[in-house]
C-alpha cells in the first residue's frame, strides 16, 4: 500500500515547543509555585480520600457486624443497607464533581502557568 501524497511542507504549522531539560524540571519542582500547586492538590485530595475510605469501611463493617440494623426496613422493601449502598455511589459522584470544580478553579490555572513558563524556556 503506497500513498501519492507529497511530504508536508516545512513551516506550515506552529513552531515546535521548547522541550525542557531534566535540570529545568528539577528547578520547577523546587519552585514555590510548584509547592503551592502541590499543596493545593494535597489539601483537597488527602482529607476527602481519608473521609471516603472511613465512610466505605463503616459501610463494610456495618454490613458485616450489624446485620439487624442494616436489615431495618425504612419503607416498602427499602432497607438501611440499600440506602447506604446507594449513598456510596452518590458520594463517589459528589467527590468527582467537587474535585473537577476544585481542579478547574485552583489547580489548572497554576499548572498552566508553570507549563507556559517551562515551554517558554524561562
PDB file of N, CA and C in Angstrom:
ATOM      1  N   UNK A   1       0.856  -1.171   0.000  1.00  0.00           N
ATOM      2  CA  UNK A   1       0.000   0.000   0.000  1.00  0.00           C
ATOM      3  C   UNK A   1       0.902   1.233   0.000  1.00  0.00           C
ATOM      4  N   UNK A   2       0.764   2.082  -0.971  1.00  0.00           N
ATOM      5  CA  UNK A   2       1.558   3.307  -1.076  1.00  0.00           C
ATOM      6  C   UNK A   2       0.634   4.497  -1.107  1.00  0.00           C
ATOM      7  N   UNK A   3       1.230   5.652  -0.900  1.00  0.00           N
ATOM      8  CA  UNK A   3       0.449   6.882  -0.928  1.00  0.00           C
ATOM      9  C   UNK A   3       1.012   7.802  -1.992  1.00  0.00           C
ATOM     10  N   UNK A   4       0.156   8.566  -2.574  1.00  0.00           N
ATOM     11  CA  UNK A   4       0.557   9.522  -3.605  1.00  0.00           C
ATOM     12  C   UNK A   4       0.736  10.920  -3.033  1.00  0.00           C
ATOM     13  N   UNK A   5       0.516  11.077  -1.728  1.00  0.00           N
ATOM     14  CA  UNK A   5       0.582  12.396  -1.115  1.00  0.00           C
ATOM     15  C   UNK A   5       2.027  12.876  -1.039  1.00  0.00           C
ATOM     16  N   UNK A   6       2.188  14.170  -1.255  1.00  0.00           N
ATOM     17  CA  UNK A   6       3.512  14.778  -1.143  1.00  0.00           C
ATOM     18  C   UNK A   6       3.860  14.954   0.333  1.00  0.00           C
ATOM     19  N   UNK A   7       5.153  14.976   0.669  1.00  0.00           N
ATOM     20  CA  UNK A   7       5.533  15.202   2.069  1.00  0.00           C
ATOM     21  C   UNK A   7       5.097  16.589   2.527  1.00  0.00           C
ATOM     22  N   UNK A   8       4.825  16.751   3.813  1.00  0.00           N
ATOM     23  CA  UNK A   8       4.376  18.057   4.311  1.00  0.00           C
ATOM     24  C   UNK A   8       5.444  19.122   4.120  1.00  0.00           C
ATOM     25  N   UNK A   9       4.981  20.334   3.871  1.00  0.00           N
ATOM     26  CA  UNK A   9       5.885  21.473   3.693  1.00  0.00           C
ATOM     27  C   UNK A   9       6.346  21.980   5.054  1.00  0.00           C
ATOM     28  N   UNK A  10       7.586  22.313   5.191  1.00  0.00           N
ATOM     29  CA  UNK A  10       8.114  22.848   6.450  1.00  0.00           C
ATOM     30  C   UNK A  10       7.595  24.254   6.698  1.00  0.00           C
ATOM     31  N   UNK A  11       7.416  24.597   7.943  1.00  0.00           N
ATOM     32  CA  UNK A  11       6.998  25.936   8.330  1.00  0.00           C
ATOM     33  C   UNK A  11       5.509  26.186   8.226  1.00  0.00           C
ATOM     34  N   UNK A  12       4.742  25.201   7.822  1.00  0.00           N
ATOM     35  CA  UNK A  12       3.310  25.418   7.665  1.00  0.00           C
ATOM     36  C   UNK A  12       2.576  25.439   8.999  1.00  0.00           C
ATOM     37  N   UNK A  13       3.091  24.719   9.983  1.00  0.00           N
ATOM     38  CA  UNK A  13       2.412  24.612  11.274  1.00  0.00           C
ATOM     39  C   UNK A  13       3.051  25.521  12.310  1.00  0.00           C
ATOM     40  N   UNK A  14       2.588  25.418  13.541  1.00  0.00           N
ATOM     41  CA  UNK A  14       3.158  26.219  14.616  1.00  0.00           C
ATOM     42  C   UNK A  14       4.594  25.794  14.915  1.00  0.00           C
ATOM     43  N   UNK A  15       5.331  26.704  15.475  1.00  0.00           N
ATOM     44  CA  UNK A  15       6.719  26.417  15.826  1.00  0.00           C
ATOM     45  C   UNK A  15       6.759  25.322  16.889  1.00  0.00           C
ATOM     46  N   UNK A  16       7.750  24.446  16.826  1.00  0.00           N
ATOM     47  CA  UNK A  16       7.827  23.390  17.832  1.00  0.00           C
ATOM     48  C   UNK A  16       8.027  23.982  19.221  1.00  0.00           C
ATOM     49  N   UNK A  17       7.416  23.353  20.206  1.00  0.00           N
ATOM     50  CA  UNK A  17       7.509  23.828  21.589  1.00  0.00           C
ATOM     51  C   UNK A  17       8.899  23.555  22.141  1.00  0.00           C
ATOM     52  N   UNK A  18       9.276  24.367  23.102  1.00  0.00           N
ATOM     53  CA  UNK A  18      10.549  24.181  23.799  1.00  0.00           C
ATOM     54  C   UNK A  18      10.456  22.904  24.620  1.00  0.00           C
ATOM     55  N   UNK A  19      11.450  22.037  24.527  1.00  0.00           N
ATOM     56  CA  UNK A  19      11.477  20.797  25.299  1.00  0.00           C
ATOM     57  C   UNK A  19      12.438  20.973  26.464  1.00  0.00           C
ATOM     58  N   UNK A  20      11.903  21.109  27.672  1.00  0.00           N
ATOM     59  CA  UNK A  20      12.750  21.367  28.833  1.00  0.00           C
ATOM     60  C   UNK A  20      13.696  20.211  29.135  1.00  0.00           C
ATOM     61  N   UNK A  21      14.846  20.560  29.650  1.00  0.00           N
ATOM     62  CA  UNK A  21      15.836  19.563  30.071  1.00  0.00           C
ATOM     63  C   UNK A  21      15.509  19.100  31.486  1.00  0.00           C
ATOM     64  N   UNK A  22      16.156  18.034  31.896  1.00  0.00           N
ATOM     65  CA  UNK A  22      15.913  17.472  33.231  1.00  0.00           C
ATOM     66  C   UNK A  22      16.190  18.490  34.326  1.00  0.00           C
ATOM     67  N   UNK A  23      17.178  19.334  34.127  1.00  0.00           N
ATOM     68  CA  UNK A  23      17.520  20.340  35.136  1.00  0.00           C
ATOM     69  C   UNK A  23      16.384  21.348  35.318  1.00  0.00           C
ATOM     70  N   UNK A  24      15.694  21.655  34.217  1.00  0.00           N
ATOM     71  CA  UNK A  24      14.567  22.584  34.304  1.00  0.00           C
ATOM     72  C   UNK A  24      13.414  21.975  35.094  1.00  0.00           C
ATOM     73  N   UNK A  25      13.184  20.680  34.906  1.00  0.00           N
ATOM     74  CA  UNK A  25      12.139  20.006  35.679  1.00  0.00           C
ATOM     75  C   UNK A  25      12.471  20.031  37.166  1.00  0.00           C
ATOM     76  N   UNK A  26      13.733  19.801  37.483  1.00  0.00           N
ATOM     77  CA  UNK A  26      14.163  19.829  38.883  1.00  0.00           C
ATOM     78  C   UNK A  26      13.996  21.226  39.467  1.00  0.00           C
ATOM     79  N   UNK A  27      14.365  22.247  38.695  1.00  0.00           N
ATOM     80  CA  UNK A  27      14.233  23.623  39.163  1.00  0.00           C
ATOM     81  C   UNK A  27      12.763  23.970  39.418  1.00  0.00           C
ATOM     82  N   UNK A  28      11.899  23.592  38.490  1.00  0.00           N
ATOM     83  CA  UNK A  28      10.476  23.884  38.645  1.00  0.00           C
ATOM     84  C   UNK A  28       9.898  23.118  39.828  1.00  0.00           C
ATOM     85  N   UNK A  29      10.320  21.882  39.992  1.00  0.00           N
ATOM     86  CA  UNK A  29       9.811  21.065  41.101  1.00  0.00           C
ATOM     87  C   UNK A  29      10.172  21.676  42.448  1.00  0.00           C
ATOM     88  N   UNK A  30      11.260  22.408  42.515  1.00  0.00           N
ATOM     89  CA  UNK A  30      11.693  23.027  43.767  1.00  0.00           C
ATOM     90  C   UNK A  30      11.198  24.470  43.914  1.00  0.00           C
ATOM     91  N   UNK A  31      10.446  24.956  42.942  1.00  0.00           N
ATOM     92  CA  UNK A  31       9.973  26.338  42.963  1.00  0.00           C
ATOM     93  C   UNK A  31       8.797  26.505  43.926  1.00  0.00           C
ATOM     94  N   UNK A  32       8.616  27.739  44.438  1.00  0.00           N
ATOM     95  CA  UNK A  32       7.461  27.997  45.309  1.00  0.00           C
ATOM     96  C   UNK A  32       6.119  27.814  44.594  1.00  0.00           C
ATOM     97  N   UNK A  33       6.070  28.090  43.286  1.00  0.00           N
ATOM     98  CA  UNK A  33       4.830  27.941  42.531  1.00  0.00           C
ATOM     99  C   UNK A  33       4.396  26.468  42.478  1.00  0.00           C
ATOM    100  N   UNK A  34       5.370  25.581  42.263  1.00  0.00           N
ATOM    101  CA  UNK A  34       5.060  24.158  42.215  1.00  0.00           C
ATOM    102  C   UNK A  34       4.672  23.648  43.600  1.00  0.00           C
ATOM    103  N   UNK A  35       5.339  24.134  44.631  1.00  0.00           N
ATOM    104  CA  UNK A  35       4.998  23.746  46.006  1.00  0.00           C
ATOM    105  C   UNK A  35       3.576  24.183  46.341  1.00  0.00           C
ATOM    106  N   UNK A  36       3.192  25.367  45.871  1.00  0.00           N
ATOM    107  CA  UNK A  36       1.826  25.849  46.102  1.00  0.00           C
ATOM    108  C   UNK A  36       0.800  24.988  45.361  1.00  0.00           C
ATOM    109  N   UNK A  37       1.127  24.597  44.130  1.00  0.00           N
ATOM    110  CA  UNK A  37       0.249  23.714  43.357  1.00  0.00           C
ATOM    111  C   UNK A  37       0.086  22.373  44.070  1.00  0.00           C
ATOM    112  N   UNK A  38       1.190  21.799  44.495  1.00  0.00           N
ATOM    113  CA  UNK A  38       1.142  20.506  45.190  1.00  0.00           C
ATOM    114  C   UNK A  38       0.366  20.612  46.496  1.00  0.00           C
ATOM    115  N   UNK A  39       0.570  21.700  47.225  1.00  0.00           N
ATOM    116  CA  UNK A  39      -0.138  21.906  48.492  1.00  0.00           C
ATOM    117  C   UNK A  39      -1.645  22.050  48.263  1.00  0.00           C
ATOM    118  N   UNK A  40      -2.011  22.780  47.222  1.00  0.00           N
ATOM    119  CA  UNK A  40      -3.432  22.962  46.899  1.00  0.00           C
ATOM    120  C   UNK A  40      -4.084  21.628  46.547  1.00  0.00           C
ATOM    121  N   UNK A  41      -3.370  20.794  45.806  1.00  0.00           N
ATOM    122  CA  UNK A  41      -3.892  19.475  45.448  1.00  0.00           C
ATOM    123  C   UNK A  41      -4.037  18.614  46.701  1.00  0.00           C
ATOM    124  N   UNK A  42      -2.988  18.551  47.494  1.00  0.00           N
ATOM    125  CA  UNK A  42      -2.999  17.678  48.673  1.00  0.00           C
ATOM    126  C   UNK A  42      -4.021  18.115  49.710  1.00  0.00           C
ATOM    127  N   UNK A  43      -4.196  19.419  49.880  1.00  0.00           N
ATOM    128  CA  UNK A  43      -5.143  19.900  50.886  1.00  0.00           C
ATOM    129  C   UNK A  43      -6.586  19.536  50.514  1.00  0.00           C
ATOM    130  N   UNK A  44      -6.822  19.271  49.255  1.00  0.00           N
ATOM    131  CA  UNK A  44      -8.153  18.829  48.825  1.00  0.00           C
ATOM    132  C   UNK A  44      -8.245  17.307  48.793  1.00  0.00           C
ATOM    133  N   UNK A  45      -7.280  16.664  48.153  1.00  0.00           N
ATOM    134  CA  UNK A  45      -7.370  15.229  47.887  1.00  0.00           C
ATOM    135  C   UNK A  45      -7.207  14.365  49.134  1.00  0.00           C
ATOM    136  N   UNK A  46      -6.258  14.678  49.988  1.00  0.00           N
ATOM    137  CA  UNK A  46      -5.995  13.805  51.134  1.00  0.00           C
ATOM    138  C   UNK A  46      -7.164  13.745  52.116  1.00  0.00           C
ATOM    139  N   UNK A  47      -7.711  14.870  52.561  1.00  0.00           N
ATOM    140  CA  UNK A  47      -8.840  14.776  53.500  1.00  0.00           C
ATOM    141  C   UNK A  47     -10.054  14.048  52.912  1.00  0.00           C
ATOM    142  N   UNK A  48     -10.362  14.324  51.646  1.00  0.00           N
ATOM    143  CA  UNK A  48     -11.513  13.643  51.038  1.00  0.00           C
ATOM    144  C   UNK A  48     -11.260  12.157  50.856  1.00  0.00           C
ATOM    145  N   UNK A  49     -10.032  11.793  50.548  1.00  0.00           N
ATOM    146  CA  UNK A  49      -9.699  10.378  50.419  1.00  0.00           C
ATOM    147  C   UNK A  49      -9.863   9.661  51.749  1.00  0.00           C
ATOM    148  N   UNK A  50      -9.328  10.245  52.816  1.00  0.00           N
ATOM    149  CA  UNK A  50      -9.444   9.651  54.148  1.00  0.00           C
ATOM    150  C   UNK A  50     -10.921   9.556  54.560  1.00  0.00           C
ATOM    151  N   UNK A  51     -11.672  10.618  54.320  1.00  0.00           N
ATOM    152  CA  UNK A  51     -13.097  10.617  54.692  1.00  0.00           C
ATOM    153  C   UNK A  51     -13.866   9.546  53.916  1.00  0.00           C
ATOM    154  N   UNK A  52     -13.589   9.415  52.617  1.00  0.00           N
ATOM    155  CA  UNK A  52     -14.316   8.423  51.832  1.00  0.00           C
ATOM    156  C   UNK A  52     -13.950   7.008  52.255  1.00  0.00           C
ATOM    157  N   UNK A  53     -12.680   6.750  52.521  1.00  0.00           N
ATOM    158  CA  UNK A  53     -12.269   5.414  52.960  1.00  0.00           C
ATOM    159  C   UNK A  53     -12.923   5.080  54.301  1.00  0.00           C
ATOM    160  N   UNK A  54     -12.971   6.054  55.208  1.00  0.00           N
ATOM    161  CA  UNK A  54     -13.628   5.822  56.502  1.00  0.00           C
ATOM    162  C   UNK A  54     -15.118   5.525  56.300  1.00  0.00           C
ATOM    163  N   UNK A  55     -15.761   6.274  55.427  1.00  0.00           N
ATOM    164  CA  UNK A  55     -17.179   6.072  55.136  1.00  0.00           C
ATOM    165  C   UNK A  55     -17.410   4.694  54.523  1.00  0.00           C
ATOM    166  N   UNK A  56     -16.531   4.281  53.608  1.00  0.00           N
ATOM    167  CA  UNK A  56     -16.652   2.970  52.982  1.00  0.00           C
ATOM    168  C   UNK A  56     -16.436   1.854  54.014  1.00  0.00           C
ATOM    169  N   UNK A  57     -15.407   1.998  54.843  1.00  0.00           N
ATOM    170  CA  UNK A  57     -15.154   0.981  55.871  1.00  0.00           C
ATOM    171  C   UNK A  57     -16.303   0.894  56.868  1.00  0.00           C
ATOM    172  N   UNK A  58     -16.901   2.013  57.207  1.00  0.00           N
ATOM    173  CA  UNK A  58     -18.070   1.996  58.082  1.00  0.00           C
ATOM    174  C   UNK A  58     -19.187   1.165  57.450  1.00  0.00           C
ATOM    175  N   UNK A  59     -19.417   1.369  56.168  1.00  0.00           N
ATOM    176  CA  UNK A  59     -20.445   0.605  55.455  1.00  0.00           C
ATOM    177  C   UNK A  59     -20.130  -0.891  55.481  1.00  0.00           C
ATOM    178  N   UNK A  60     -18.871  -1.242  55.210  1.00  0.00           N
ATOM    179  CA  UNK A  60     -18.469  -2.649  55.204  1.00  0.00           C
ATOM    180  C   UNK A  60     -18.625  -3.253  56.602  1.00  0.00           C
ATOM    181  N   UNK A  61     -18.177  -2.530  57.619  1.00  0.00           N
ATOM    182  CA  UNK A  61     -18.281  -3.041  58.989  1.00  0.00           C
ATOM    183  C   UNK A  61     -19.744  -3.192  59.425  1.00  0.00           C
ATOM    184  N   UNK A  62     -20.561  -2.218  59.101  1.00  0.00           N
ATOM    185  CA  UNK A  62     -21.989  -2.339  59.421  1.00  0.00           C
ATOM    186  C   UNK A  62     -22.613  -3.532  58.698  1.00  0.00           C
ATOM    187  N   UNK A  63     -22.228  -3.728  57.453  1.00  0.00           N
ATOM    188  CA  UNK A  63     -22.763  -4.855  56.687  1.00  0.00           C
ATOM    189  C   UNK A  63     -22.332  -6.187  57.293  1.00  0.00           C
ATOM    190  N   UNK A  64     -21.113  -6.230  57.831  1.00  0.00           N
ATOM    191  CA  UNK A  64     -20.585  -7.473  58.390  1.00  0.00           C
ATOM    192  C   UNK A  64     -21.089  -7.760  59.800  1.00  0.00           C
ATOM    193  N   UNK A  65     -21.160  -6.723  60.624  1.00  0.00           N
ATOM    194  CA  UNK A  65     -21.397  -6.948  62.048  1.00  0.00           C
ATOM    195  C   UNK A  65     -22.718  -6.382  62.581  1.00  0.00           C
ATOM    196  N   UNK A  66     -23.437  -5.638  61.765  1.00  0.00           N
ATOM    197  CA  UNK A  66     -24.703  -5.062  62.236  1.00  0.00           C
ATOM    198  C   UNK A  66     -25.824  -5.410  61.256  1.00  0.00           C
ATOM    199  N   UNK A  67     -25.968  -6.702  60.998  1.00  0.00           N
ATOM    200  CA  UNK A  67     -26.967  -7.174  60.041  1.00  0.00           C
ATOM    201  C   UNK A  67     -28.379  -6.764  60.406  1.00  0.00           C
ATOM    202  N   UNK A  68     -28.665  -6.795  61.699  1.00  0.00           N
ATOM    203  CA  UNK A  68     -30.009  -6.407  62.129  1.00  0.00           C
ATOM    204  C   UNK A  68     -30.304  -4.958  61.806  1.00  0.00           C
ATOM    205  N   UNK A  69     -29.344  -4.079  62.074  1.00  0.00           N
ATOM    206  CA  UNK A  69     -29.511  -2.656  61.772  1.00  0.00           C
ATOM    207  C   UNK A  69     -29.621  -2.436  60.267  1.00  0.00           C
ATOM    208  N   UNK A  70     -28.728  -3.070  59.510  1.00  0.00           N
ATOM    209  CA  UNK A  70     -28.725  -2.870  58.063  1.00  0.00           C
ATOM    210  C   UNK A  70     -29.991  -3.436  57.413  1.00  0.00           C
ATOM    211  N   UNK A  71     -30.607  -4.425  58.043  1.00  0.00           N
ATOM    212  CA  UNK A  71     -31.820  -5.016  57.506  1.00  0.00           C
ATOM    213  C   UNK A  71     -33.090  -4.284  57.898  1.00  0.00           C
ATOM    214  N   UNK A  72     -32.947  -3.230  58.689  1.00  0.00           N
ATOM    215  CA  UNK A  72     -34.110  -2.459  59.118  1.00  0.00           C
ATOM    216  C   UNK A  72     -34.813  -1.851  57.909  1.00  0.00           C
ATOM    217  N   UNK A  73     -36.085  -2.153  57.774  1.00  0.00           N
ATOM    218  CA  UNK A  73     -36.855  -1.614  56.648  1.00  0.00           C
ATOM    219  C   UNK A  73     -37.221  -0.164  56.923  1.00  0.00           C
ATOM    220  N   UNK A  74     -36.976   0.665  55.930  1.00  0.00           N
ATOM    221  CA  UNK A  74     -37.313   2.082  56.048  1.00  0.00           C
ATOM    222  C   UNK A  74     -38.703   2.337  55.482  1.00  0.00           C
ATOM    223  N   UNK A  75     -38.969   1.802  54.312  1.00  0.00           N
ATOM    224  CA  UNK A  75     -40.300   1.868  53.699  1.00  0.00           C
ATOM    225  C   UNK A  75     -40.352   0.821  52.592  1.00  0.00           C
ATOM    226  N   UNK A  76     -41.434   0.139  52.495  1.00  0.00           N
ATOM    227  CA  UNK A  76     -41.571  -0.927  51.498  1.00  0.00           C
ATOM    228  C   UNK A  76     -40.467  -1.965  51.672  1.00  0.00           C
ATOM    229  N   UNK A  77     -39.810  -2.303  50.568  1.00  0.00           N
ATOM    230  CA  UNK A  77     -38.688  -3.242  50.613  1.00  0.00           C
ATOM    231  C   UNK A  77     -37.336  -2.533  50.678  1.00  0.00           C
ATOM    232  N   UNK A  78     -37.346  -1.268  50.971  1.00  0.00           N
ATOM    233  CA  UNK A  78     -36.106  -0.480  51.049  1.00  0.00           C
ATOM    234  C   UNK A  78     -35.598  -0.533  52.485  1.00  0.00           C
ATOM    235  N   UNK A  79     -34.356  -1.027  52.638  1.00  0.00           N
ATOM    236  CA  UNK A  79     -33.787  -1.099  53.981  1.00  0.00           C
ATOM    237  C   UNK A  79     -32.564  -0.191  54.097  1.00  0.00           C
ATOM    238  N   UNK A  80     -32.003  -0.123  55.286  1.00  0.00           N
ATOM    239  CA  UNK A  80     -30.855   0.748  55.568  1.00  0.00           C
ATOM    240  C   UNK A  80     -29.666   0.382  54.681  1.00  0.00           C
ATOM    241  N   UNK A  81     -29.413  -0.922  54.496  1.00  0.00           N
ATOM    242  CA  UNK A  81     -28.268  -1.359  53.685  1.00  0.00           C
ATOM    243  C   UNK A  81     -28.363  -0.827  52.255  1.00  0.00           C
ATOM    244  N   UNK A  82     -29.539  -0.882  51.669  1.00  0.00           N
ATOM    245  CA  UNK A  82     -29.710  -0.397  50.299  1.00  0.00           C
ATOM    246  C   UNK A  82     -29.478   1.108  50.223  1.00  0.00           C
ATOM    247  N   UNK A  83     -30.027   1.831  51.165  1.00  0.00           N
ATOM    248  CA  UNK A  83     -29.865   3.294  51.165  1.00  0.00           C
ATOM    249  C   UNK A  83     -28.392   3.668  51.331  1.00  0.00           C
ATOM    250  N   UNK A  84     -27.711   3.018  52.277  1.00  0.00           N
ATOM    251  CA  UNK A  84     -26.289   3.332  52.486  1.00  0.00           C
ATOM    252  C   UNK A  84     -25.439   2.888  51.291  1.00  0.00           C
ATOM    253  N   UNK A  85     -25.799   1.768  50.681  1.00  0.00           N
ATOM    254  CA  UNK A  85     -25.075   1.323  49.485  1.00  0.00           C
ATOM    255  C   UNK A  85     -25.228   2.297  48.332  1.00  0.00           C
ATOM    256  N   UNK A  86     -26.427   2.778  48.112  1.00  0.00           N
ATOM    257  CA  UNK A  86     -26.644   3.780  47.061  1.00  0.00           C
ATOM    258  C   UNK A  86     -25.962   5.102  47.410  1.00  0.00           C
ATOM    259  N   UNK A  87     -25.900   5.398  48.697  1.00  0.00           N
ATOM    260  CA  UNK A  87     -25.202   6.615  49.127  1.00  0.00           C
ATOM    261  C   UNK A  87     -23.701   6.537  48.813  1.00  0.00           C
ATOM    262  N   UNK A  88     -23.152   5.320  48.779  1.00  0.00           N
ATOM    263  CA  UNK A  88     -21.745   5.158  48.382  1.00  0.00           C
ATOM    264  C   UNK A  88     -21.543   5.664  46.944  1.00  0.00           C
ATOM    265  N   UNK A  89     -22.457   5.287  46.061  1.00  0.00           N
ATOM    266  CA  UNK A  89     -22.366   5.758  44.673  1.00  0.00           C
ATOM    267  C   UNK A  89     -22.532   7.268  44.604  1.00  0.00           C
ATOM    268  N   UNK A  90     -23.507   7.781  45.319  1.00  0.00           N
ATOM    269  CA  UNK A  90     -23.746   9.228  45.316  1.00  0.00           C
ATOM    270  C   UNK A  90     -22.521   9.976  45.830  1.00  0.00           C
ATOM    271  N   UNK A  91     -21.900   9.442  46.875  1.00  0.00           N
ATOM    272  CA  UNK A  91     -20.703  10.077  47.433  1.00  0.00           C
ATOM    273  C   UNK A  91     -19.563  10.080  46.416  1.00  0.00           C
ATOM    274  N   UNK A  92     -19.410   8.977  45.703  1.00  0.00           N
ATOM    275  CA  UNK A  92     -18.355   8.893  44.689  1.00  0.00           C
ATOM    276  C   UNK A  92     -18.546   9.968  43.620  1.00  0.00           C
ATOM    277  N   UNK A  93     -19.760  10.107  43.117  1.00  0.00           N
ATOM    278  CA  UNK A  93     -20.020  11.119  42.093  1.00  0.00           C
ATOM    279  C   UNK A  93     -19.883  12.531  42.652  1.00  0.00           C
ATOM    280  N   UNK A  94     -20.279  12.732  43.883  1.00  0.00           N
ATOM    281  CA  UNK A  94     -20.134  14.043  44.521  1.00  0.00           C
ATOM    282  C   UNK A  94     -18.667  14.427  44.642  1.00  0.00           C
ATOM    283  N   UNK A  95     -17.837  13.506  45.077  1.00  0.00           N
ATOM    284  CA  UNK A  95     -16.404  13.785  45.215  1.00  0.00           C
ATOM    285  C   UNK A  95     -15.784  14.081  43.852  1.00  0.00           C
ATOM    286  N   UNK A  96     -16.158  13.317  42.830  1.00  0.00           N
ATOM    287  CA  UNK A  96     -15.627  13.568  41.484  1.00  0.00           C
ATOM    288  C   UNK A  96     -16.029  14.951  40.987  1.00  0.00           C
ATOM    289  N   UNK A  97     -17.271  15.331  41.235  1.00  0.00           N
ATOM    290  CA  UNK A  97     -17.747  16.654  40.819  1.00  0.00           C
ATOM    291  C   UNK A  97     -17.015  17.759  41.579  1.00  0.00           C
ATOM    292  N   UNK A  98     -16.866  17.581  42.893  1.00  0.00           N
ATOM    293  CA  UNK A  98     -16.141  18.576  43.696  1.00  0.00           C
ATOM    294  C   UNK A  98     -14.693  18.704  43.249  1.00  0.00           C
ATOM    295  N   UNK A  99     -14.065  17.569  42.948  1.00  0.00           N
ATOM    296  CA  UNK A  99     -12.675  17.625  42.501  1.00  0.00           C
ATOM    297  C   UNK A  99     -12.557  18.338  41.160  1.00  0.00           C
ATOM    298  N   UNK A 100     -13.476  18.075  40.242  1.00  0.00           N
ATOM    299  CA  UNK A 100     -13.387  18.746  38.939  1.00  0.00           C
ATOM    300  C   UNK A 100     -13.539  20.252  39.089  1.00  0.00           C
ATOM    301  N   UNK A 101     -14.413  20.692  39.987  1.00  0.00           N
ATOM    302  CA  UNK A 101     -14.554  22.131  40.252  1.00  0.00           C
ATOM    303  C   UNK A 101     -13.284  22.689  40.880  1.00  0.00           C
ATOM    304  N   UNK A 102     -12.730  21.961  41.852  1.00  0.00           N
ATOM    305  CA  UNK A 102     -11.503  22.412  42.523  1.00  0.00           C
ATOM    306  C   UNK A 102     -10.354  22.484  41.520  1.00  0.00           C
ATOM    307  N   UNK A 103     -10.224  21.464  40.690  1.00  0.00           N
ATOM    308  CA  UNK A 103      -9.138  21.445  39.711  1.00  0.00           C
ATOM    309  C   UNK A 103      -9.278  22.589  38.713  1.00  0.00           C
ATOM    310  N   UNK A 104     -10.480  22.823  38.233  1.00  0.00           N
ATOM    311  CA  UNK A 104     -10.694  23.882  37.245  1.00  0.00           C
ATOM    312  C   UNK A 104     -10.414  25.264  37.811  1.00  0.00           C
ATOM    313  N   UNK A 105     -10.759  25.478  39.075  1.00  0.00           N
ATOM    314  CA  UNK A 105     -10.605  26.826  39.635  1.00  0.00           C
ATOM    315  C   UNK A 105      -9.255  27.049  40.317  1.00  0.00           C
ATOM    316  N   UNK A 106      -8.673  26.014  40.893  1.00  0.00           N
ATOM    317  CA  UNK A 106      -7.450  26.207  41.687  1.00  0.00           C
ATOM    318  C   UNK A 106      -6.206  25.577  41.061  1.00  0.00           C
ATOM    319  N   UNK A 107      -6.325  24.351  40.561  1.00  0.00           N
ATOM    320  CA  UNK A 107      -5.143  23.624  40.101  1.00  0.00           C
ATOM    321  C   UNK A 107      -4.763  23.950  38.664  1.00  0.00           C
ATOM    322  N   UNK A 108      -5.737  23.936  37.770  1.00  0.00           N
ATOM    323  CA  UNK A 108      -5.431  24.130  36.346  1.00  0.00           C
ATOM    324  C   UNK A 108      -4.759  25.465  36.038  1.00  0.00           C
ATOM    325  N   UNK A 109      -5.206  26.586  36.604  1.00  0.00           N
ATOM    326  CA  UNK A 109      -4.515  27.845  36.297  1.00  0.00           C
ATOM    327  C   UNK A 109      -3.055  27.840  36.754  1.00  0.00           C
ATOM    328  N   UNK A 110      -2.799  27.270  37.930  1.00  0.00           N
ATOM    329  CA  UNK A 110      -1.414  27.207  38.427  1.00  0.00           C
ATOM    330  C   UNK A 110      -0.571  26.284  37.555  1.00  0.00           C
ATOM    331  N   UNK A 111      -1.121  25.139  37.194  1.00  0.00           N
ATOM    332  CA  UNK A 111      -0.389  24.190  36.351  1.00  0.00           C
ATOM    333  C   UNK A 111      -0.135  24.779  34.967  1.00  0.00           C
ATOM    334  N   UNK A 112      -1.115  25.484  34.432  1.00  0.00           N
ATOM    335  CA  UNK A 112      -0.965  26.112  33.116  1.00  0.00           C
ATOM    336  C   UNK A 112       0.151  27.153  33.138  1.00  0.00           C
ATOM    337  N   UNK A 113       0.209  27.941  34.215  1.00  0.00           N
ATOM    338  CA  UNK A 113       1.254  28.956  34.323  1.00  0.00           C
ATOM    339  C   UNK A 113       2.637  28.315  34.394  1.00  0.00           C
ATOM    340  N   UNK A 114       2.759  27.253  35.140  1.00  0.00           N
ATOM    341  CA  UNK A 114       4.048  26.545  35.240  1.00  0.00           C
ATOM    342  C   UNK A 114       4.421  25.958  33.897  1.00  0.00           C
ATOM    343  N   UNK A 115       3.455  25.360  33.197  1.00  0.00           N
ATOM    344  CA  UNK A 115       3.719  24.766  31.883  1.00  0.00           C
ATOM    345  C   UNK A 115       4.166  25.834  30.887  1.00  0.00           C
ATOM    346  N   UNK A 116       3.474  26.969  30.865  1.00  0.00           N
ATOM    347  CA  UNK A 116       3.845  28.033  29.932  1.00  0.00           C
ATOM    348  C   UNK A 116       5.243  28.562  30.213  1.00  0.00           C
ATOM    349  N   UNK A 117       5.569  28.673  31.503  1.00  0.00           N
ATOM    350  CA  UNK A 117       6.924  29.140  31.877  1.00  0.00           C
ATOM    351  C   UNK A 117       7.978  28.150  31.373  1.00  0.00           C
ATOM    352  N   UNK A 118       7.707  26.864  31.532  1.00  0.00           N
ATOM    353  CA  UNK A 118       8.678  25.859  31.077  1.00  0.00           C
ATOM    354  C   UNK A 118       8.798  25.836  29.555  1.00  0.00           C
ATOM    355  N   UNK A 119       7.654  25.937  28.876  1.00  0.00           N
ATOM    356  CA  UNK A 119       7.699  25.901  27.404  1.00  0.00           C
ATOM    357  C   UNK A 119       8.378  27.130  26.825  1.00  0.00           C
ATOM    358  N   UNK A 120       8.289  28.245  27.558  1.00  0.00           N
ATOM    359  CA  UNK A 120       8.936  29.471  27.079  1.00  0.00           C
ATOM    360  C   UNK A 120      10.449  29.412  27.300  1.00  0.00           C
ATOM    361  N   UNK A 121      10.877  28.476  28.126  1.00  0.00           N
ATOM    362  CA  UNK A 121      12.310  28.344  28.384  1.00  0.00           C
ATOM    363  C   UNK A 121      12.805  29.313  29.429  1.00  0.00           C
ATOM    364  N   UNK A 122      11.896  29.858  30.241  1.00  0.00           N
ATOM    365  CA  UNK A 122      12.284  30.833  31.269  1.00  0.00           C
ATOM    366  C   UNK A 122      12.957  30.163  32.441  1.00  0.00           C
TER     367      UNK A 122
END
